[in-house]
PDB file of N, CA and C in Angstrom:
ATOM      1  N   UNK A   1       0.829  -1.178   0.000  1.00  0.00           N
ATOM      2  CA  UNK A   1       0.000   0.000   0.000  1.00  0.00           C
ATOM      3  C   UNK A   1       0.877   1.248   0.000  1.00  0.00           C
ATOM      4  N   UNK A   2       1.445   1.536  -1.140  1.00  0.00           N
ATOM      5  CA  UNK A   2       2.264   2.729  -1.265  1.00  0.00           C
ATOM      6  C   UNK A   2       1.422   3.863  -1.813  1.00  0.00           C
ATOM      7  N   UNK A   3       1.186   4.834  -0.980  1.00  0.00           N
ATOM      8  CA  UNK A   3       0.450   6.015  -1.408  1.00  0.00           C
ATOM      9  C   UNK A   3       1.071   7.231  -0.731  1.00  0.00           C
ATOM     10  N   UNK A   4       0.701   8.380  -1.228  1.00  0.00           N
ATOM     11  CA  UNK A   4       1.210   9.624  -0.657  1.00  0.00           C
ATOM     12  C   UNK A   4       0.813   9.752   0.803  1.00  0.00           C
ATOM     13  N   UNK A   5      -0.388   9.345   1.134  1.00  0.00           N
ATOM     14  CA  UNK A   5      -0.873   9.466   2.506  1.00  0.00           C
ATOM     15  C   UNK A   5      -0.026   8.656   3.486  1.00  0.00           C
ATOM     16  N   UNK A   6       0.422   7.477   3.062  1.00  0.00           N
ATOM     17  CA  UNK A   6       1.261   6.645   3.935  1.00  0.00           C
ATOM     18  C   UNK A   6       2.553   7.363   4.296  1.00  0.00           C
ATOM     19  N   UNK A   7       3.205   7.941   3.293  1.00  0.00           N
ATOM     20  CA  UNK A   7       4.463   8.645   3.551  1.00  0.00           C
ATOM     21  C   UNK A   7       4.247   9.922   4.343  1.00  0.00           C
ATOM     22  N   UNK A   8       3.151  10.616   4.083  1.00  0.00           N
ATOM     23  CA  UNK A   8       2.873  11.838   4.837  1.00  0.00           C
ATOM     24  C   UNK A   8       2.568  11.541   6.296  1.00  0.00           C
ATOM     25  N   UNK A   9       1.875  10.453   6.556  1.00  0.00           N
ATOM     26  CA  UNK A   9       1.601  10.066   7.943  1.00  0.00           C
ATOM     27  C   UNK A   9       2.896   9.689   8.650  1.00  0.00           C
ATOM     28  N   UNK A  10       3.768   8.946   7.960  1.00  0.00           N
ATOM     29  CA  UNK A  10       5.054   8.575   8.563  1.00  0.00           C
ATOM     30  C   UNK A  10       5.922   9.808   8.820  1.00  0.00           C
ATOM     31  N   UNK A  11       5.945  10.742   7.870  1.00  0.00           N
ATOM     32  CA  UNK A  11       6.700  11.981   8.063  1.00  0.00           C
ATOM     33  C   UNK A  11       6.144  12.810   9.200  1.00  0.00           C
ATOM     34  N   UNK A  12       4.819  12.896   9.284  1.00  0.00           N
ATOM     35  CA  UNK A  12       4.199  13.638  10.378  1.00  0.00           C
ATOM     36  C   UNK A  12       4.459  12.966  11.721  1.00  0.00           C
ATOM     37  N   UNK A  13       4.481  11.644  11.730  1.00  0.00           N
ATOM     38  CA  UNK A  13       4.781  10.903  12.955  1.00  0.00           C
ATOM     39  C   UNK A  13       6.214  11.177  13.414  1.00  0.00           C
ATOM     40  N   UNK A  14       7.167  11.155  12.477  1.00  0.00           N
ATOM     41  CA  UNK A  14       8.550  11.496  12.825  1.00  0.00           C
ATOM     42  C   UNK A  14       8.647  12.921  13.360  1.00  0.00           C
ATOM     43  N   UNK A  15       7.947  13.840  12.712  1.00  0.00           N
ATOM     44  CA  UNK A  15       7.959  15.235  13.149  1.00  0.00           C
ATOM     45  C   UNK A  15       7.383  15.369  14.553  1.00  0.00           C
ATOM     46  N   UNK A  16       6.266  14.706  14.823  1.00  0.00           N
ATOM     47  CA  UNK A  16       5.631  14.799  16.142  1.00  0.00           C
ATOM     48  C   UNK A  16       6.481  14.150  17.233  1.00  0.00           C
ATOM     49  N   UNK A  17       7.101  13.016  16.918  1.00  0.00           N
ATOM     50  CA  UNK A  17       7.995  12.379  17.890  1.00  0.00           C
ATOM     51  C   UNK A  17       9.167  13.299  18.196  1.00  0.00           C
ATOM     52  N   UNK A  18       9.685  13.960  17.158  1.00  0.00           N
ATOM     53  CA  UNK A  18      10.782  14.908  17.359  1.00  0.00           C
ATOM     54  C   UNK A  18      10.369  16.092  18.205  1.00  0.00           C
ATOM     55  N   UNK A  19       9.184  16.630  17.959  1.00  0.00           N
ATOM     56  CA  UNK A  19       8.706  17.756  18.770  1.00  0.00           C
ATOM     57  C   UNK A  19       8.492  17.343  20.224  1.00  0.00           C
ATOM     58  N   UNK A  20       7.919  16.149  20.418  1.00  0.00           N
ATOM     59  CA  UNK A  20       7.730  15.648  21.779  1.00  0.00           C
ATOM     60  C   UNK A  20       9.088  15.466  22.475  1.00  0.00           C
ATOM     61  N   UNK A  21      10.042  14.893  21.756  1.00  0.00           N
ATOM     62  CA  UNK A  21      11.375  14.702  22.330  1.00  0.00           C
ATOM     63  C   UNK A  21      12.064  16.012  22.632  1.00  0.00           C
ATOM     64  N   UNK A  22      11.865  17.002  21.780  1.00  0.00           N
ATOM     65  CA  UNK A  22      12.482  18.305  22.012  1.00  0.00           C
ATOM     66  C   UNK A  22      11.927  18.969  23.262  1.00  0.00           C
ATOM     67  N   UNK A  23      10.643  18.779  23.504  1.00  0.00           N
ATOM     68  CA  UNK A  23      10.022  19.389  24.676  1.00  0.00           C
ATOM     69  C   UNK A  23      10.284  18.602  25.961  1.00  0.00           C
ATOM     70  N   UNK A  24      10.507  17.290  25.860  1.00  0.00           N
ATOM     71  CA  UNK A  24      10.627  16.457  27.050  1.00  0.00           C
ATOM     72  C   UNK A  24      12.057  16.249  27.538  1.00  0.00           C
ATOM     73  N   UNK A  25      13.029  16.268  26.650  1.00  0.00           N
ATOM     74  CA  UNK A  25      14.399  15.995  27.076  1.00  0.00           C
ATOM     75  C   UNK A  25      15.012  17.210  27.747  1.00  0.00           C
ATOM     76  N   UNK A  26      15.813  16.942  28.748  1.00  0.00           N
ATOM     77  CA  UNK A  26      16.519  18.035  29.391  1.00  0.00           C
ATOM     78  C   UNK A  26      18.018  17.969  29.130  1.00  0.00           C
ATOM     79  N   UNK A  27      18.450  17.023  28.314  1.00  0.00           N
ATOM     80  CA  UNK A  27      19.858  16.983  27.942  1.00  0.00           C
ATOM     81  C   UNK A  27      20.015  17.501  26.517  1.00  0.00           C
ATOM     82  N   UNK A  28      21.152  18.107  26.254  1.00  0.00           N
ATOM     83  CA  UNK A  28      21.386  18.676  24.940  1.00  0.00           C
ATOM     84  C   UNK A  28      21.476  17.601  23.861  1.00  0.00           C
ATOM     85  N   UNK A  29      21.979  16.440  24.196  1.00  0.00           N
ATOM     86  CA  UNK A  29      22.092  15.365  23.207  1.00  0.00           C
ATOM     87  C   UNK A  29      20.706  14.857  22.827  1.00  0.00           C
ATOM     88  N   UNK A  30      19.819  14.717  23.785  1.00  0.00           N
ATOM     89  CA  UNK A  30      18.445  14.322  23.488  1.00  0.00           C
ATOM     90  C   UNK A  30      17.745  15.339  22.605  1.00  0.00           C
ATOM     91  N   UNK A  31      17.998  16.607  22.851  1.00  0.00           N
ATOM     92  CA  UNK A  31      17.413  17.649  22.016  1.00  0.00           C
ATOM     93  C   UNK A  31      17.977  17.617  20.603  1.00  0.00           C
ATOM     94  N   UNK A  32      19.253  17.313  20.483  1.00  0.00           N
ATOM     95  CA  UNK A  32      19.878  17.204  19.163  1.00  0.00           C
ATOM     96  C   UNK A  32      19.268  16.052  18.370  1.00  0.00           C
ATOM     97  N   UNK A  33      19.063  14.919  19.008  1.00  0.00           N
ATOM     98  CA  UNK A  33      18.456  13.766  18.336  1.00  0.00           C
ATOM     99  C   UNK A  33      17.019  14.079  17.938  1.00  0.00           C
ATOM    100  N   UNK A  34      16.293  14.763  18.798  1.00  0.00           N
ATOM    101  CA  UNK A  34      14.916  15.134  18.479  1.00  0.00           C
ATOM    102  C   UNK A  34      14.864  16.100  17.297  1.00  0.00           C
ATOM    103  N   UNK A  35      15.813  17.019  17.234  1.00  0.00           N
ATOM    104  CA  UNK A  35      15.876  17.941  16.099  1.00  0.00           C
ATOM    105  C   UNK A  35      16.168  17.201  14.810  1.00  0.00           C
ATOM    106  N   UNK A  36      17.025  16.185  14.879  1.00  0.00           N
ATOM    107  CA  UNK A  36      17.306  15.374  13.692  1.00  0.00           C
ATOM    108  C   UNK A  36      16.055  14.633  13.239  1.00  0.00           C
ATOM    109  N   UNK A  37      15.236  14.154  14.168  1.00  0.00           N
ATOM    110  CA  UNK A  37      13.984  13.508  13.796  1.00  0.00           C
ATOM    111  C   UNK A  37      13.035  14.478  13.098  1.00  0.00           C
ATOM    112  N   UNK A  38      12.985  15.711  13.568  1.00  0.00           N
ATOM    113  CA  UNK A  38      12.144  16.721  12.932  1.00  0.00           C
ATOM    114  C   UNK A  38      12.602  16.966  11.500  1.00  0.00           C
ATOM    115  N   UNK A  39      13.893  17.115  11.313  1.00  0.00           N
ATOM    116  CA  UNK A  39      14.414  17.359   9.971  1.00  0.00           C
ATOM    117  C   UNK A  39      14.220  16.148   9.057  1.00  0.00           C
ATOM    118  N   UNK A  40      14.345  14.946   9.599  1.00  0.00           N
ATOM    119  CA  UNK A  40      14.114  13.749   8.782  1.00  0.00           C
ATOM    120  C   UNK A  40      12.643  13.628   8.375  1.00  0.00           C
ATOM    121  N   UNK A  41      11.734  14.001   9.248  1.00  0.00           N
ATOM    122  CA  UNK A  41      10.314  14.000   8.887  1.00  0.00           C
ATOM    123  C   UNK A  41      10.020  14.990   7.773  1.00  0.00           C
ATOM    124  N   UNK A  42      10.646  16.160   7.833  1.00  0.00           N
ATOM    125  CA  UNK A  42      10.459  17.153   6.773  1.00  0.00           C
ATOM    126  C   UNK A  42      11.050  16.662   5.455  1.00  0.00           C
ATOM    127  N   UNK A  43      12.212  16.014   5.515  1.00  0.00           N
ATOM    128  CA  UNK A  43      12.828  15.475   4.303  1.00  0.00           C
ATOM    129  C   UNK A  43      12.006  14.356   3.685  1.00  0.00           C
ATOM    130  N   UNK A  44      11.428  13.516   4.519  1.00  0.00           N
ATOM    131  CA  UNK A  44      10.582  12.432   4.016  1.00  0.00           C
ATOM    132  C   UNK A  44       9.335  12.990   3.321  1.00  0.00           C
ATOM    133  N   UNK A  45       8.743  14.018   3.900  1.00  0.00           N
ATOM    134  CA  UNK A  45       7.582  14.634   3.261  1.00  0.00           C
ATOM    135  C   UNK A  45       7.958  15.284   1.933  1.00  0.00           C
ATOM    136  N   UNK A  46       9.122  15.917   1.871  1.00  0.00           N
ATOM    137  CA  UNK A  46       9.559  16.534   0.617  1.00  0.00           C
ATOM    138  C   UNK A  46       9.757  15.481  -0.465  1.00  0.00           C
ATOM    139  N   UNK A  47      10.368  14.357  -0.116  1.00  0.00           N
ATOM    140  CA  UNK A  47      10.579  13.293  -1.108  1.00  0.00           C
ATOM    141  C   UNK A  47       9.259  12.643  -1.509  1.00  0.00           C
ATOM    142  N   UNK A  48       8.325  12.510  -0.588  1.00  0.00           N
ATOM    143  CA  UNK A  48       7.029  11.921  -0.923  1.00  0.00           C
ATOM    144  C   UNK A  48       6.262  12.811  -1.891  1.00  0.00           C
ATOM    145  N   UNK A  49       6.237  14.109  -1.617  1.00  0.00           N
ATOM    146  CA  UNK A  49       5.574  15.018  -2.536  1.00  0.00           C
ATOM    147  C   UNK A  49       6.248  15.010  -3.897  1.00  0.00           C
ATOM    148  N   UNK A  50       7.576  14.937  -3.898  1.00  0.00           N
ATOM    149  CA  UNK A  50       8.308  14.891  -5.154  1.00  0.00           C
ATOM    150  C   UNK A  50       7.976  13.634  -5.942  1.00  0.00           C
ATOM    151  N   UNK A  51       7.927  12.508  -5.288  1.00  0.00           N
ATOM    152  CA  UNK A  51       7.701  11.237  -5.977  1.00  0.00           C
ATOM    153  C   UNK A  51       6.301  11.127  -6.546  1.00  0.00           C
ATOM    154  N   UNK A  52       5.313  11.577  -5.786  1.00  0.00           N
ATOM    155  CA  UNK A  52       3.933  11.374  -6.198  1.00  0.00           C
ATOM    156  C   UNK A  52       3.334  12.534  -6.997  1.00  0.00           C
ATOM    157  N   UNK A  53       3.820  13.744  -6.825  1.00  0.00           N
ATOM    158  CA  UNK A  53       3.142  14.891  -7.425  1.00  0.00           C
ATOM    159  C   UNK A  53       3.965  15.676  -8.443  1.00  0.00           C
ATOM    160  N   UNK A  54       5.273  15.530  -8.448  1.00  0.00           N
ATOM    161  CA  UNK A  54       6.110  16.350  -9.304  1.00  0.00           C
ATOM    162  C   UNK A  54       6.547  15.590 -10.549  1.00  0.00           C
ATOM    163  N   UNK A  55       6.627  16.299 -11.646  1.00  0.00           N
ATOM    164  CA  UNK A  55       7.128  15.668 -12.869  1.00  0.00           C
ATOM    165  C   UNK A  55       8.648  15.735 -12.941  1.00  0.00           C
ATOM    166  N   UNK A  56       9.246  16.695 -12.253  1.00  0.00           N
ATOM    167  CA  UNK A  56      10.699  16.845 -12.233  1.00  0.00           C
ATOM    168  C   UNK A  56      11.259  16.197 -10.972  1.00  0.00           C
ATOM    169  N   UNK A  57      12.070  15.165 -11.139  1.00  0.00           N
ATOM    170  CA  UNK A  57      12.569  14.403  -9.982  1.00  0.00           C
ATOM    171  C   UNK A  57      13.626  15.160  -9.191  1.00  0.00           C
ATOM    172  N   UNK A  58      14.280  16.121  -9.803  1.00  0.00           N
ATOM    173  CA  UNK A  58      15.390  16.779  -9.117  1.00  0.00           C
ATOM    174  C   UNK A  58      14.945  17.815  -8.091  1.00  0.00           C
ATOM    175  N   UNK A  59      13.737  18.299  -8.181  1.00  0.00           N
ATOM    176  CA  UNK A  59      13.286  19.345  -7.265  1.00  0.00           C
ATOM    177  C   UNK A  59      13.237  18.858  -5.825  1.00  0.00           C
ATOM    178  N   UNK A  60      12.538  17.783  -5.571  1.00  0.00           N
ATOM    179  CA  UNK A  60      12.435  17.249  -4.216  1.00  0.00           C
ATOM    180  C   UNK A  60      13.747  16.694  -3.707  1.00  0.00           C
ATOM    181  N   UNK A  61      14.534  16.110  -4.624  1.00  0.00           N
ATOM    182  CA  UNK A  61      15.828  15.566  -4.215  1.00  0.00           C
ATOM    183  C   UNK A  61      16.776  16.678  -3.798  1.00  0.00           C
ATOM    184  N   UNK A  62      16.774  17.778  -4.532  1.00  0.00           N
ATOM    185  CA  UNK A  62      17.626  18.909  -4.168  1.00  0.00           C
ATOM    186  C   UNK A  62      17.187  19.499  -2.829  1.00  0.00           C
ATOM    187  N   UNK A  63      15.885  19.595  -2.625  1.00  0.00           N
ATOM    188  CA  UNK A  63      15.377  20.122  -1.356  1.00  0.00           C
ATOM    189  C   UNK A  63      15.758  19.206  -0.198  1.00  0.00           C
ATOM    190  N   UNK A  64      15.667  17.892  -0.408  1.00  0.00           N
ATOM    191  CA  UNK A  64      16.025  16.946   0.645  1.00  0.00           C
ATOM    192  C   UNK A  64      17.528  16.970   0.927  1.00  0.00           C
ATOM    193  N   UNK A  65      18.339  17.103  -0.106  1.00  0.00           N
ATOM    194  CA  UNK A  65      19.782  17.231   0.108  1.00  0.00           C
ATOM    195  C   UNK A  65      20.112  18.503   0.873  1.00  0.00           C
ATOM    196  N   UNK A  66      19.383  19.570   0.602  1.00  0.00           N
ATOM    197  CA  UNK A  66      19.557  20.812   1.354  1.00  0.00           C
ATOM    198  C   UNK A  66      19.206  20.600   2.822  1.00  0.00           C
ATOM    199  N   UNK A  67      18.120  19.886   3.096  1.00  0.00           N
ATOM    200  CA  UNK A  67      17.727  19.584   4.481  1.00  0.00           C
ATOM    201  C   UNK A  67      18.805  18.735   5.164  1.00  0.00           C
ATOM    202  N   UNK A  68      19.343  17.754   4.438  1.00  0.00           N
ATOM    203  CA  UNK A  68      20.392  16.907   5.018  1.00  0.00           C
ATOM    204  C   UNK A  68      21.662  17.709   5.303  1.00  0.00           C
ATOM    205  N   UNK A  69      21.988  18.650   4.437  1.00  0.00           N
ATOM    206  CA  UNK A  69      23.153  19.514   4.676  1.00  0.00           C
ATOM    207  C   UNK A  69      22.968  20.391   5.891  1.00  0.00           C
ATOM    208  N   UNK A  70      21.773  20.935   6.040  1.00  0.00           N
ATOM    209  CA  UNK A  70      21.476  21.758   7.216  1.00  0.00           C
ATOM    210  C   UNK A  70      21.530  20.902   8.480  1.00  0.00           C
ATOM    211  N   UNK A  71      21.034  19.664   8.404  1.00  0.00           N
ATOM    212  CA  UNK A  71      21.074  18.779   9.569  1.00  0.00           C
ATOM    213  C   UNK A  71      22.511  18.450   9.960  1.00  0.00           C
ATOM    214  N   UNK A  72      23.369  18.233   8.973  1.00  0.00           N
ATOM    215  CA  UNK A  72      24.773  17.933   9.276  1.00  0.00           C
ATOM    216  C   UNK A  72      25.464  19.145   9.897  1.00  0.00           C
ATOM    217  N   UNK A  73      25.214  20.330   9.351  1.00  0.00           N
ATOM    218  CA  UNK A  73      25.808  21.544   9.920  1.00  0.00           C
ATOM    219  C   UNK A  73      25.270  21.808  11.321  1.00  0.00           C
ATOM    220  N   UNK A  74      23.987  21.580  11.505  1.00  0.00           N
ATOM    221  CA  UNK A  74      23.386  21.767  12.828  1.00  0.00           C
ATOM    222  C   UNK A  74      23.992  20.808  13.837  1.00  0.00           C
ATOM    223  N   UNK A  75      24.225  19.571  13.432  1.00  0.00           N
ATOM    224  CA  UNK A  75      24.817  18.591  14.345  1.00  0.00           C
ATOM    225  C   UNK A  75      26.247  18.982  14.716  1.00  0.00           C
ATOM    226  N   UNK A  76      27.019  19.441  13.746  1.00  0.00           N
ATOM    227  CA  UNK A  76      28.398  19.832  14.030  1.00  0.00           C
ATOM    228  C   UNK A  76      28.451  21.037  14.967  1.00  0.00           C
ATOM    229  N   UNK A  77      27.627  22.036  14.716  1.00  0.00           N
ATOM    230  CA  UNK A  77      27.610  23.225  15.568  1.00  0.00           C
ATOM    231  C   UNK A  77      27.080  22.886  16.956  1.00  0.00           C
ATOM    232  N   UNK A  78      26.030  22.073  17.026  1.00  0.00           N
ATOM    233  CA  UNK A  78      25.465  21.707  18.327  1.00  0.00           C
ATOM    234  C   UNK A  78      26.456  20.894  19.153  1.00  0.00           C
ATOM    235  N   UNK A  79      27.176  19.978  18.515  1.00  0.00           N
ATOM    236  CA  UNK A  79      28.169  19.205  19.268  1.00  0.00           C
ATOM    237  C   UNK A  79      29.296  20.088  19.776  1.00  0.00           C
ATOM    238  N   UNK A  80      29.717  21.069  18.989  1.00  0.00           N
ATOM    239  CA  UNK A  80      30.775  21.964  19.469  1.00  0.00           C
ATOM    240  C   UNK A  80      30.270  22.829  20.622  1.00  0.00           C
ATOM    241  N   UNK A  81      29.008  23.250  20.559  1.00  0.00           N
ATOM    242  CA  UNK A  81      28.437  24.010  21.675  1.00  0.00           C
ATOM    243  C   UNK A  81      28.332  23.131  22.918  1.00  0.00           C
ATOM    244  N   UNK A  82      27.948  21.852  22.724  1.00  0.00           N
ATOM    245  CA  UNK A  82      27.864  20.931  23.862  1.00  0.00           C
ATOM    246  C   UNK A  82      29.221  20.723  24.515  1.00  0.00           C
ATOM    247  N   UNK A  83      30.261  20.616  23.723  1.00  0.00           N
ATOM    248  CA  UNK A  83      31.610  20.450  24.277  1.00  0.00           C
ATOM    249  C   UNK A  83      32.005  21.694  25.069  1.00  0.00           C
ATOM    250  N   UNK A  84      31.709  22.878  24.539  1.00  0.00           N
ATOM    251  CA  UNK A  84      32.035  24.116  25.252  1.00  0.00           C
ATOM    252  C   UNK A  84      31.249  24.229  26.557  1.00  0.00           C
ATOM    253  N   UNK A  85      29.974  23.865  26.522  1.00  0.00           N
ATOM    254  CA  UNK A  85      29.152  23.916  27.740  1.00  0.00           C
ATOM    255  C   UNK A  85      29.651  22.903  28.753  1.00  0.00           C
ATOM    256  N   UNK A  86      30.018  21.704  28.302  1.00  0.00           N
ATOM    257  CA  UNK A  86      30.509  20.692  29.239  1.00  0.00           C
ATOM    258  C   UNK A  86      31.829  21.128  29.878  1.00  0.00           C
ATOM    259  N   UNK A  87      32.692  21.756  29.105  1.00  0.00           N
ATOM    260  CA  UNK A  87      33.970  22.226  29.673  1.00  0.00           C
ATOM    261  C   UNK A  87      33.749  23.308  30.730  1.00  0.00           C
ATOM    262  N   UNK A  88      32.723  24.118  30.526  1.00  0.00           N
ATOM    263  CA  UNK A  88      32.478  25.207  31.475  1.00  0.00           C
ATOM    264  C   UNK A  88      31.698  24.753  32.706  1.00  0.00           C
ATOM    265  N   UNK A  89      30.640  23.940  32.508  1.00  0.00           N
ATOM    266  CA  UNK A  89      29.741  23.591  33.602  1.00  0.00           C
ATOM    267  C   UNK A  89      29.860  22.144  34.063  1.00  0.00           C
ATOM    268  N   UNK A  90      30.616  21.302  33.356  1.00  0.00           N
ATOM    269  CA  UNK A  90      30.793  19.878  33.683  1.00  0.00           C
ATOM    270  C   UNK A  90      29.473  19.121  33.699  1.00  0.00           C
ATOM    271  N   UNK A  91      28.529  19.560  32.876  1.00  0.00           N
ATOM    272  CA  UNK A  91      27.224  18.911  32.754  1.00  0.00           C
ATOM    273  C   UNK A  91      26.580  19.392  31.457  1.00  0.00           C
ATOM    274  N   UNK A  92      25.752  18.548  30.842  1.00  0.00           N
ATOM    275  CA  UNK A  92      25.088  18.978  29.606  1.00  0.00           C
ATOM    276  C   UNK A  92      23.572  19.014  29.748  1.00  0.00           C
ATOM    277  N   UNK A  93      23.077  18.929  30.976  1.00  0.00           N
ATOM    278  CA  UNK A  93      21.633  19.078  31.181  1.00  0.00           C
ATOM    279  C   UNK A  93      21.268  20.551  31.067  1.00  0.00           C
ATOM    280  N   UNK A  94      20.135  20.802  30.459  1.00  0.00           N
ATOM    281  CA  UNK A  94      19.717  22.181  30.216  1.00  0.00           C
ATOM    282  C   UNK A  94      19.419  22.900  31.523  1.00  0.00           C
ATOM    283  N   UNK A  95      18.889  22.197  32.504  1.00  0.00           N
ATOM    284  CA  UNK A  95      18.551  22.818  33.785  1.00  0.00           C
ATOM    285  C   UNK A  95      19.779  23.348  34.511  1.00  0.00           C
ATOM    286  N   UNK A  96      20.913  22.685  34.337  1.00  0.00           N
ATOM    287  CA  UNK A  96      22.110  23.068  35.090  1.00  0.00           C
ATOM    288  C   UNK A  96      22.870  24.209  34.435  1.00  0.00           C
ATOM    289  N   UNK A  97      22.516  24.593  33.232  1.00  0.00           N
ATOM    290  CA  UNK A  97      23.253  25.666  32.560  1.00  0.00           C
ATOM    291  C   UNK A  97      22.400  26.933  32.463  1.00  0.00           C
ATOM    292  N   UNK A  98      21.576  27.163  33.453  1.00  0.00           N
ATOM    293  CA  UNK A  98      20.698  28.344  33.441  1.00  0.00           C
ATOM    294  C   UNK A  98      21.490  29.622  33.675  1.00  0.00           C
ATOM    295  N   UNK A  99      22.761  29.524  34.004  1.00  0.00           N
ATOM    296  CA  UNK A  99      23.591  30.715  34.208  1.00  0.00           C
ATOM    297  C   UNK A  99      23.908  31.416  32.898  1.00  0.00           C
ATOM    298  N   UNK A 100      23.597  30.796  31.757  1.00  0.00           N
ATOM    299  CA  UNK A 100      23.897  31.391  30.474  1.00  0.00           C
ATOM    300  C   UNK A 100      22.907  32.485  30.101  1.00  0.00           C
ATOM    301  N   UNK A 101      21.853  32.681  30.899  1.00  0.00           N
ATOM    302  CA  UNK A 101      20.886  33.737  30.589  1.00  0.00           C
ATOM    303  C   UNK A 101      21.569  35.084  30.719  1.00  0.00           C
ATOM    304  N   UNK A 102      21.301  35.953  29.751  1.00  0.00           N
ATOM    305  CA  UNK A 102      22.002  37.227  29.705  1.00  0.00           C
ATOM    306  C   UNK A 102      21.335  38.351  30.300  1.00  0.00           C
TER     307      UNK A 102
END
């Protein structure tokens, strides 16, 4: 049963799980993983729309590659921020780094 609705439901499910994880986790690594789930859900929806509705195959693929590039850059920057926070506070829980408020 391959239809557009199946892929859209799966993409929306990934997005919702990511949003729930982003709101529930108090560690930076958990938030990073949840953000990756959100971006993967968006990429899956872009590819599904491209496959089922577009005549040009490169449009959705280029958009998904752009999403994957942003996810990789986000992961690299987030990990470097996590390392800096851990060196300063010796913890990566969000609750323990409340001193960063300006």
